[in-house]
Amino acid sequence: MDYSLQRLHNGILEFKITRQDKRNAVNFGVMEGLKQALKQAKADDVRALVITGEGDQAFCSGGDLSVFHELRTEEQAYSMLSQMGHILYELATLPKPTVALINGTAVGGGCEIATACDFRIAKAGVKMGFIQGTLAITTGWGGGTLLFERIAHGDALKLLTAAHVHKAEELESIGFINRVVNEANHEAAEEFLKEELAIHSTVLSAYKQMLIRKWQETNIAERMEKETRQCAILWEADAHHEAVDRFLNKSSAK
């Protein structure tokens, strides 16, 4: 199993990527797990959804390149990207509070998953970055579009175009990380959500619907779809496949 689903205290549902040996990279199994988590999160007795990774080294290292590098053409890439894009749209518009509990490194698609959540709690010192540009592609799961909704446009554009890795404390200063903690564990998530969990769930959903209506009026689903399609075009280009080959060769040499 590439994931686990667990009910915590006070109605919190925790989804955990359990691919520690792959730095919790996303594969098709993780995608199916996220679908199940979103389905369960809609139950009346679930107050909030928390997403995290196994171990203390990685929250999520993005898409598993050893799997997805087999996708060569634009349409092959689009099939995967759009599937994950739909998942992140459902995550972003879930009418419950959602939290990314960032227990370790989050890069590429891992940052996109974190961006789709309402809140981001990060362990002190963890490194994060939208590094897709180093592989000659853009964000492709809708995370770039969502990032412009989460923080100031200038800060978002800088994070995407520079494709650097930053410490959680730096990202807290620009509002991307909501709280830095010593340990990104169950207790940290429950403490962060303490006030929300004291409010009736129908009130929480009503407030989240205000945000969802705003996004619907600005066609966020269509904007995310255009991001996905653009990434698929870049995915097919030689520059991307050559960059991934260099990355995989470098990784195998270690």
C-alpha atoms as a PDB file:
ATOM      1  CA  MET A   1       0.000   0.000   0.000  1.00  0.00           C
ATOM      2  CA  ASP A   2       1.374   3.391  -1.020  1.00  0.00           C
ATOM      3  CA  TYR A   3      -0.665   5.333   1.535  1.00  0.00           C
ATOM      4  CA  SER A   4      -2.520   5.112   4.819  1.00  0.00           C
ATOM      5  CA  LEU A   5      -5.780   6.677   6.003  1.00  0.00           C
ATOM      6  CA  GLN A   6      -6.321   7.172   9.722  1.00  0.00           C
ATOM      7  CA  ARG A   7      -8.941   8.865  11.868  1.00  0.00           C
ATOM      8  CA  LEU A   8      -7.312  11.039  14.511  1.00  0.00           C
ATOM      9  CA  HIS A   9      -8.897  12.804  17.469  1.00  0.00           C
ATOM     10  CA  ASN A  10     -11.612  15.417  17.073  1.00  0.00           C
ATOM     11  CA  GLY A  11     -12.708  14.320  13.624  1.00  0.00           C
ATOM     12  CA  ILE A  12      -9.403  14.771  11.796  1.00  0.00           C
ATOM     13  CA  LEU A  13      -8.747  12.432   8.862  1.00  0.00           C
ATOM     14  CA  GLU A  14      -5.044  11.907   8.114  1.00  0.00           C
ATOM     15  CA  PHE A  15      -3.782  10.852   4.694  1.00  0.00           C
ATOM     16  CA  LYS A  16      -0.143   9.740   4.680  1.00  0.00           C
ATOM     17  CA  ILE A  17       2.027   8.868   1.685  1.00  0.00           C
ATOM     18  CA  THR A  18       3.889   5.715   2.738  1.00  0.00           C
ATOM     19  CA  ARG A  19       6.642   5.508   0.126  1.00  0.00           C
ATOM     20  CA  GLN A  20       9.517   6.504   2.378  1.00  0.00           C
ATOM     21  CA  ASP A  21      12.050   4.611   0.217  1.00  0.00           C
ATOM     22  CA  LYS A  22      10.959   6.794  -2.737  1.00  0.00           C
ATOM     23  CA  ARG A  23      10.962   9.999  -0.694  1.00  0.00           C
ATOM     24  CA  ASN A  24       7.172   9.764  -0.731  1.00  0.00           C
ATOM     25  CA  ALA A  25       6.986  10.440  -4.453  1.00  0.00           C
ATOM     26  CA  VAL A  26       3.574  10.328  -6.105  1.00  0.00           C
ATOM     27  CA  ASN A  27       2.689   7.329  -8.277  1.00  0.00           C
ATOM     28  CA  PHE A  28      -0.680   6.076  -9.485  1.00  0.00           C
ATOM     29  CA  GLY A  29      -1.231   4.280  -6.174  1.00  0.00           C
ATOM     30  CA  VAL A  30      -0.854   7.539  -4.258  1.00  0.00           C
ATOM     31  CA  MET A  31      -3.296   9.171  -6.666  1.00  0.00           C
ATOM     32  CA  GLU A  32      -5.893   6.513  -5.906  1.00  0.00           C
ATOM     33  CA  GLY A  33      -5.263   7.002  -2.207  1.00  0.00           C
ATOM     34  CA  LEU A  34      -5.873  10.739  -2.472  1.00  0.00           C
ATOM     35  CA  LYS A  35      -9.165  10.027  -4.238  1.00  0.00           C
ATOM     36  CA  GLN A  36     -10.186   7.765  -1.369  1.00  0.00           C
ATOM     37  CA  ALA A  37      -9.133  10.379   1.189  1.00  0.00           C
ATOM     38  CA  LEU A  38     -11.225  13.064  -0.499  1.00  0.00           C
ATOM     39  CA  LYS A  39     -14.192  10.732  -0.641  1.00  0.00           C
ATOM     40  CA  GLN A  40     -13.925   9.883   3.067  1.00  0.00           C
ATOM     41  CA  ALA A  41     -13.296  13.514   4.011  1.00  0.00           C
ATOM     42  CA  LYS A  42     -16.774  14.438   2.803  1.00  0.00           C
ATOM     43  CA  ALA A  43     -18.347  12.344   5.577  1.00  0.00           C
ATOM     44  CA  ASP A  44     -20.272  14.338   8.173  1.00  0.00           C
ATOM     45  CA  ASP A  45     -18.075  13.202  11.062  1.00  0.00           C
ATOM     46  CA  VAL A  46     -14.831  14.397   9.436  1.00  0.00           C
ATOM     47  CA  ARG A  47     -13.948  17.928  10.538  1.00  0.00           C
ATOM     48  CA  ALA A  48     -10.638  18.392   8.698  1.00  0.00           C
ATOM     49  CA  LEU A  49      -8.227  16.598   6.352  1.00  0.00           C
ATOM     50  CA  VAL A  50      -4.478  16.477   7.067  1.00  0.00           C
ATOM     51  CA  ILE A  51      -1.972  15.329   4.436  1.00  0.00           C
ATOM     52  CA  THR A  52       1.560  14.263   5.380  1.00  0.00           C
ATOM     53  CA  GLY A  53       4.380  11.891   4.477  1.00  0.00           C
ATOM     54  CA  GLU A  54       5.970   8.858   6.106  1.00  0.00           C
ATOM     55  CA  GLY A  55       9.137   9.311   8.132  1.00  0.00           C
ATOM     56  CA  ASP A  56      10.983  12.548   8.803  1.00  0.00           C
ATOM     57  CA  GLN A  57      12.925  13.046   5.574  1.00  0.00           C
ATOM     58  CA  ALA A  58      10.302  13.890   2.959  1.00  0.00           C
ATOM     59  CA  PHE A  59       6.758  15.203   2.812  1.00  0.00           C
ATOM     60  CA  CYS A  60       6.588  14.521  -0.924  1.00  0.00           C
ATOM     61  CA  SER A  61       9.273  14.744  -3.595  1.00  0.00           C
ATOM     62  CA  GLY A  62       6.747  15.260  -6.385  1.00  0.00           C
ATOM     63  CA  GLY A  63       5.963  12.833  -9.161  1.00  0.00           C
ATOM     64  CA  ASP A  64       7.923   9.581  -9.238  1.00  0.00           C
ATOM     65  CA  LEU A  65      10.165  10.167 -12.241  1.00  0.00           C
ATOM     66  CA  SER A  66      11.119   6.503 -12.419  1.00  0.00           C
ATOM     67  CA  VAL A  67       7.453   5.880 -13.276  1.00  0.00           C
ATOM     68  CA  PHE A  68       6.353   9.022 -15.077  1.00  0.00           C
ATOM     69  CA  HIS A  69       9.467   9.313 -17.277  1.00  0.00           C
ATOM     70  CA  GLU A  70       7.931   6.514 -19.326  1.00  0.00           C
ATOM     71  CA  LEU A  71       5.334   9.055 -20.447  1.00  0.00           C
ATOM     72  CA  ARG A  72       6.907  10.530 -23.574  1.00  0.00           C
ATOM     73  CA  THR A  73       4.241  12.328 -25.589  1.00  0.00           C
ATOM     74  CA  GLU A  74       2.062  15.322 -24.812  1.00  0.00           C
ATOM     75  CA  GLU A  75      -1.086  13.230 -24.609  1.00  0.00           C
ATOM     76  CA  GLN A  76       0.530  10.573 -22.412  1.00  0.00           C
ATOM     77  CA  ALA A  77       1.727  13.285 -20.052  1.00  0.00           C
ATOM     78  CA  TYR A  78      -1.630  15.047 -20.120  1.00  0.00           C
ATOM     79  CA  SER A  79      -3.404  11.852 -19.058  1.00  0.00           C
ATOM     80  CA  MET A  80      -1.360  11.731 -15.843  1.00  0.00           C
ATOM     81  CA  LEU A  81      -1.177  15.477 -15.237  1.00  0.00           C
ATOM     82  CA  SER A  82      -4.905  16.050 -15.690  1.00  0.00           C
ATOM     83  CA  GLN A  83      -5.763  13.171 -13.353  1.00  0.00           C
ATOM     84  CA  MET A  84      -3.640  14.715 -10.615  1.00  0.00           C
ATOM     85  CA  GLY A  85      -4.922  18.158 -11.520  1.00  0.00           C
ATOM     86  CA  HIS A  86      -8.491  17.031 -10.909  1.00  0.00           C
ATOM     87  CA  ILE A  87      -7.427  15.593  -7.545  1.00  0.00           C
ATOM     88  CA  LEU A  88      -5.822  18.877  -6.481  1.00  0.00           C
ATOM     89  CA  TYR A  89      -8.875  20.832  -7.613  1.00  0.00           C
ATOM     90  CA  GLU A  90     -11.058  18.579  -5.444  1.00  0.00           C
ATOM     91  CA  LEU A  91      -8.607  19.029  -2.566  1.00  0.00           C
ATOM     92  CA  ALA A  92      -8.563  22.824  -2.920  1.00  0.00           C
ATOM     93  CA  THR A  93     -12.357  23.015  -3.068  1.00  0.00           C
ATOM     94  CA  LEU A  94     -13.111  20.442  -0.364  1.00  0.00           C
ATOM     95  CA  PRO A  95     -15.688  22.125   1.931  1.00  0.00           C
ATOM     96  CA  LYS A  96     -13.614  21.230   5.002  1.00  0.00           C
ATOM     97  CA  PRO A  97     -10.361  22.733   6.337  1.00  0.00           C
ATOM     98  CA  THR A  98      -7.303  21.024   4.853  1.00  0.00           C
ATOM     99  CA  VAL A  99      -3.746  21.049   6.187  1.00  0.00           C
ATOM    100  CA  ALA A 100      -0.424  20.029   4.667  1.00  0.00           C
ATOM    101  CA  LEU A 101       1.689  18.707   7.546  1.00  0.00           C
ATOM    102  CA  ILE A 102       5.121  19.095   6.004  1.00  0.00           C
ATOM    103  CA  ASN A 103       7.360  16.707   7.913  1.00  0.00           C
ATOM    104  CA  GLY A 104      10.317  16.827   5.512  1.00  0.00           C
ATOM    105  CA  THR A 105      11.459  17.984   2.089  1.00  0.00           C
ATOM    106  CA  ALA A 106       8.723  19.061  -0.315  1.00  0.00           C
ATOM    107  CA  VAL A 107       9.738  19.770  -3.891  1.00  0.00           C
ATOM    108  CA  GLY A 108       8.029  19.930  -7.276  1.00  0.00           C
ATOM    109  CA  GLY A 109       4.628  18.307  -7.097  1.00  0.00           C
ATOM    110  CA  GLY A 110       5.008  18.002  -3.339  1.00  0.00           C
ATOM    111  CA  CYS A 111       4.784  21.793  -3.154  1.00  0.00           C
ATOM    112  CA  GLU A 112       1.759  21.685  -5.451  1.00  0.00           C
ATOM    113  CA  ILE A 113      -0.036  19.317  -3.072  1.00  0.00           C
ATOM    114  CA  ALA A 114       0.848  21.587  -0.150  1.00  0.00           C
ATOM    115  CA  THR A 115      -0.433  24.619  -2.066  1.00  0.00           C
ATOM    116  CA  ALA A 116      -3.776  22.925  -2.700  1.00  0.00           C
ATOM    117  CA  CYS A 117      -4.325  22.709   1.057  1.00  0.00           C
ATOM    118  CA  ASP A 118      -5.823  25.616   3.004  1.00  0.00           C
ATOM    119  CA  PHE A 119      -2.985  25.680   5.522  1.00  0.00           C
ATOM    120  CA  ARG A 120       0.652  24.567   5.645  1.00  0.00           C
ATOM    121  CA  ILE A 121       2.492  23.543   8.811  1.00  0.00           C
ATOM    122  CA  ALA A 122       6.200  22.797   8.343  1.00  0.00           C
ATOM    123  CA  LYS A 123       8.886  21.297  10.508  1.00  0.00           C
ATOM    124  CA  ALA A 124      11.645  23.766  11.296  1.00  0.00           C
ATOM    125  CA  GLY A 125      14.442  23.705   8.735  1.00  0.00           C
ATOM    126  CA  VAL A 126      12.688  21.604   6.079  1.00  0.00           C
ATOM    127  CA  LYS A 127      13.430  22.554   2.491  1.00  0.00           C
ATOM    128  CA  MET A 128      10.787  23.289  -0.094  1.00  0.00           C
ATOM    129  CA  GLY A 129      10.780  24.445  -3.692  1.00  0.00           C
ATOM    130  CA  PHE A 130       8.897  24.622  -6.961  1.00  0.00           C
ATOM    131  CA  ILE A 131      11.834  23.137  -8.874  1.00  0.00           C
ATOM    132  CA  GLN A 132       9.895  22.066 -11.967  1.00  0.00           C
ATOM    133  CA  GLY A 133      11.726  24.667 -14.039  1.00  0.00           C
ATOM    134  CA  THR A 134      15.010  22.788 -13.574  1.00  0.00           C
ATOM    135  CA  LEU A 135      13.384  19.906 -15.488  1.00  0.00           C
ATOM    136  CA  ALA A 136      12.281  22.208 -18.317  1.00  0.00           C
ATOM    137  CA  ILE A 137       8.585  22.045 -17.413  1.00  0.00           C
ATOM    138  CA  THR A 138       6.152  24.141 -15.404  1.00  0.00           C
ATOM    139  CA  THR A 139       3.934  23.126 -12.537  1.00  0.00           C
ATOM    140  CA  GLY A 140       1.403  20.781 -14.094  1.00  0.00           C
ATOM    141  CA  TRP A 141      -1.089  19.753 -11.430  1.00  0.00           C
ATOM    142  CA  GLY A 142      -2.596  23.215 -10.991  1.00  0.00           C
ATOM    143  CA  GLY A 143      -0.265  24.183  -8.163  1.00  0.00           C
ATOM    144  CA  GLY A 144       1.089  27.246  -9.936  1.00  0.00           C
ATOM    145  CA  THR A 145      -2.395  28.644 -10.443  1.00  0.00           C
ATOM    146  CA  LEU A 146      -3.236  27.959  -6.806  1.00  0.00           C
ATOM    147  CA  LEU A 147       0.003  29.558  -5.593  1.00  0.00           C
ATOM    148  CA  PHE A 148      -1.058  32.889  -7.097  1.00  0.00           C
ATOM    149  CA  GLU A 149      -4.219  32.565  -4.966  1.00  0.00           C
ATOM    150  CA  ARG A 150      -2.299  31.881  -1.748  1.00  0.00           C
ATOM    151  CA  ILE A 151       0.416  34.542  -1.620  1.00  0.00           C
ATOM    152  CA  ALA A 152       1.366  37.876  -3.203  1.00  0.00           C
ATOM    153  CA  HIS A 153       1.756  37.633  -6.971  1.00  0.00           C
ATOM    154  CA  GLY A 154       5.355  38.856  -6.946  1.00  0.00           C
ATOM    155  CA  ASP A 155       6.392  36.292  -4.351  1.00  0.00           C
ATOM    156  CA  ALA A 156       4.577  33.524  -6.212  1.00  0.00           C
ATOM    157  CA  LEU A 157       6.193  34.395  -9.533  1.00  0.00           C
ATOM    158  CA  LYS A 158       9.631  34.481  -7.926  1.00  0.00           C
ATOM    159  CA  LEU A 159       9.166  31.036  -6.340  1.00  0.00           C
ATOM    160  CA  LEU A 160       8.074  29.537  -9.657  1.00  0.00           C
ATOM    161  CA  THR A 161      10.553  31.163 -12.024  1.00  0.00           C
ATOM    162  CA  ALA A 162      13.649  30.932  -9.821  1.00  0.00           C
ATOM    163  CA  ALA A 163      13.000  27.218  -9.149  1.00  0.00           C
ATOM    164  CA  HIS A 164      15.091  27.374  -5.964  1.00  0.00           C
ATOM    165  CA  VAL A 165      14.759  25.424  -2.725  1.00  0.00           C
ATOM    166  CA  HIS A 166      13.970  27.463   0.397  1.00  0.00           C
ATOM    167  CA  LYS A 167      13.784  26.745   4.112  1.00  0.00           C
ATOM    168  CA  ALA A 168      10.394  26.716   5.798  1.00  0.00           C
ATOM    169  CA  GLU A 169      11.251  29.798   7.846  1.00  0.00           C
ATOM    170  CA  GLU A 170      11.841  31.844   4.694  1.00  0.00           C
ATOM    171  CA  LEU A 171       8.531  30.710   3.226  1.00  0.00           C
ATOM    172  CA  GLU A 172       6.779  31.564   6.477  1.00  0.00           C
ATOM    173  CA  SER A 173       7.963  35.157   6.100  1.00  0.00           C
ATOM    174  CA  ILE A 174       6.071  35.522   2.795  1.00  0.00           C
ATOM    175  CA  GLY A 175       2.937  33.782   4.064  1.00  0.00           C
ATOM    176  CA  PHE A 176       3.242  30.471   2.235  1.00  0.00           C
ATOM    177  CA  ILE A 177       3.899  28.542   5.453  1.00  0.00           C
ATOM    178  CA  ASN A 178       1.363  29.281   8.180  1.00  0.00           C
ATOM    179  CA  ARG A 179       3.319  27.845  11.090  1.00  0.00           C
ATOM    180  CA  VAL A 180       6.786  26.404  11.700  1.00  0.00           C
ATOM    181  CA  VAL A 181       6.945  23.728  14.403  1.00  0.00           C
ATOM    182  CA  ASN A 182       9.638  21.636  16.040  1.00  0.00           C
ATOM    183  CA  GLU A 183       7.891  18.393  15.116  1.00  0.00           C
ATOM    184  CA  ALA A 184       5.332  18.027  12.321  1.00  0.00           C
ATOM    185  CA  ASN A 185       3.184  15.363  13.995  1.00  0.00           C
ATOM    186  CA  HIS A 186      -0.411  14.653  15.039  1.00  0.00           C
ATOM    187  CA  GLU A 187      -0.130  16.930  18.034  1.00  0.00           C
ATOM    188  CA  ALA A 188       1.039  19.859  15.896  1.00  0.00           C
ATOM    189  CA  ALA A 189      -1.903  19.417  13.524  1.00  0.00           C
ATOM    190  CA  GLU A 190      -4.412  19.186  16.379  1.00  0.00           C
ATOM    191  CA  GLU A 191      -2.954  22.236  18.116  1.00  0.00           C
ATOM    192  CA  PHE A 192      -3.056  24.259  14.895  1.00  0.00           C
ATOM    193  CA  LEU A 193      -6.699  23.310  14.280  1.00  0.00           C
ATOM    194  CA  LYS A 194      -7.770  23.698  17.917  1.00  0.00           C
ATOM    195  CA  GLU A 195      -9.957  26.750  17.307  1.00  0.00           C
ATOM    196  CA  GLU A 196     -11.493  25.384  14.095  1.00  0.00           C
ATOM    197  CA  LEU A 197     -12.388  22.094  15.763  1.00  0.00           C
ATOM    198  CA  ALA A 198     -14.312  24.012  18.431  1.00  0.00           C
ATOM    199  CA  ILE A 199     -16.574  25.541  15.759  1.00  0.00           C
ATOM    200  CA  HIS A 200     -19.568  23.649  14.360  1.00  0.00           C
ATOM    201  CA  SER A 201     -18.661  21.866  11.134  1.00  0.00           C
ATOM    202  CA  THR A 202     -21.494  23.531   9.215  1.00  0.00           C
ATOM    203  CA  VAL A 203     -19.957  26.924   9.976  1.00  0.00           C
ATOM    204  CA  LEU A 204     -16.548  25.782   8.764  1.00  0.00           C
ATOM    205  CA  SER A 205     -18.081  24.516   5.532  1.00  0.00           C
ATOM    206  CA  ALA A 206     -20.024  27.744   5.041  1.00  0.00           C
ATOM    207  CA  TYR A 207     -16.865  29.821   5.300  1.00  0.00           C
ATOM    208  CA  LYS A 208     -14.989  27.512   2.933  1.00  0.00           C
ATOM    209  CA  GLN A 209     -17.842  27.846   0.443  1.00  0.00           C
ATOM    210  CA  MET A 210     -17.202  31.601   0.327  1.00  0.00           C
ATOM    211  CA  LEU A 211     -13.716  30.924  -0.992  1.00  0.00           C
ATOM    212  CA  ILE A 212     -14.963  28.243  -3.367  1.00  0.00           C
ATOM    213  CA  ARG A 213     -17.545  30.627  -4.848  1.00  0.00           C
ATOM    214  CA  LYS A 214     -14.831  33.218  -5.455  1.00  0.00           C
ATOM    215  CA  TRP A 215     -12.727  30.645  -7.280  1.00  0.00           C
ATOM    216  CA  GLN A 216     -15.696  29.449  -9.317  1.00  0.00           C
ATOM    217  CA  GLU A 217     -16.422  33.012 -10.406  1.00  0.00           C
ATOM    218  CA  THR A 218     -12.815  33.444 -11.546  1.00  0.00           C
ATOM    219  CA  ASN A 219     -12.840  30.094 -13.415  1.00  0.00           C
ATOM    220  CA  ILE A 220     -10.078  28.522 -11.374  1.00  0.00           C
ATOM    221  CA  ALA A 221     -10.831  25.045 -12.762  1.00  0.00           C
ATOM    222  CA  GLU A 222     -10.322  26.338 -16.300  1.00  0.00           C
ATOM    223  CA  ARG A 223      -7.135  28.157 -15.300  1.00  0.00           C
ATOM    224  CA  MET A 224      -5.745  25.025 -13.672  1.00  0.00           C
ATOM    225  CA  GLU A 225      -6.637  23.046 -16.794  1.00  0.00           C
ATOM    226  CA  LYS A 226      -4.692  25.488 -19.000  1.00  0.00           C
ATOM    227  CA  GLU A 227      -1.688  25.105 -16.696  1.00  0.00           C
ATOM    228  CA  THR A 228      -1.899  21.331 -17.063  1.00  0.00           C
ATOM    229  CA  ARG A 229      -2.148  21.494 -20.837  1.00  0.00           C
ATOM    230  CA  GLN A 230       0.852  23.845 -21.084  1.00  0.00           C
ATOM    231  CA  CYS A 231       2.931  21.515 -18.921  1.00  0.00           C
ATOM    232  CA  ALA A 232       1.991  18.574 -21.144  1.00  0.00           C
ATOM    233  CA  ILE A 233       3.272  20.464 -24.200  1.00  0.00           C
ATOM    234  CA  LEU A 234       6.589  21.158 -22.469  1.00  0.00           C
ATOM    235  CA  TRP A 235       6.743  17.570 -21.202  1.00  0.00           C
ATOM    236  CA  GLU A 236       6.980  16.212 -24.737  1.00  0.00           C
ATOM    237  CA  ALA A 237       9.941  18.457 -25.645  1.00  0.00           C
ATOM    238  CA  ASP A 238      13.465  17.045 -25.800  1.00  0.00           C
ATOM    239  CA  ALA A 239      14.640  19.566 -23.195  1.00  0.00           C
ATOM    240  CA  HIS A 240      12.471  17.949 -20.527  1.00  0.00           C
ATOM    241  CA  HIS A 241      13.402  14.344 -21.296  1.00  0.00           C
ATOM    242  CA  GLU A 242      17.100  15.241 -21.424  1.00  0.00           C
ATOM    243  CA  ALA A 243      16.839  17.036 -18.064  1.00  0.00           C
ATOM    244  CA  VAL A 244      15.096  14.030 -16.471  1.00  0.00           C
ATOM    245  CA  ASP A 245      17.703  11.649 -17.913  1.00  0.00           C
ATOM    246  CA  ARG A 246      20.457  13.749 -16.333  1.00  0.00           C
ATOM    247  CA  PHE A 247      18.609  13.775 -13.002  1.00  0.00           C
ATOM    248  CA  LEU A 248      18.013  10.015 -12.988  1.00  0.00           C
ATOM    249  CA  ASN A 249      21.599   9.277 -14.038  1.00  0.00           C
ATOM    250  CA  LYS A 250      22.894  11.550 -11.291  1.00  0.00           C
ATOM    251  CA  SER A 251      20.643   9.892  -8.711  1.00  0.00           C
ATOM    252  CA  SER A 252      21.677   6.363  -9.748  1.00  0.00           C
ATOM    253  CA  ALA A 253      25.348   7.310  -9.509  1.00  0.00           C
ATOM    254  CA  LYS A 254      25.045   8.258  -5.838  1.00  0.00           C
END
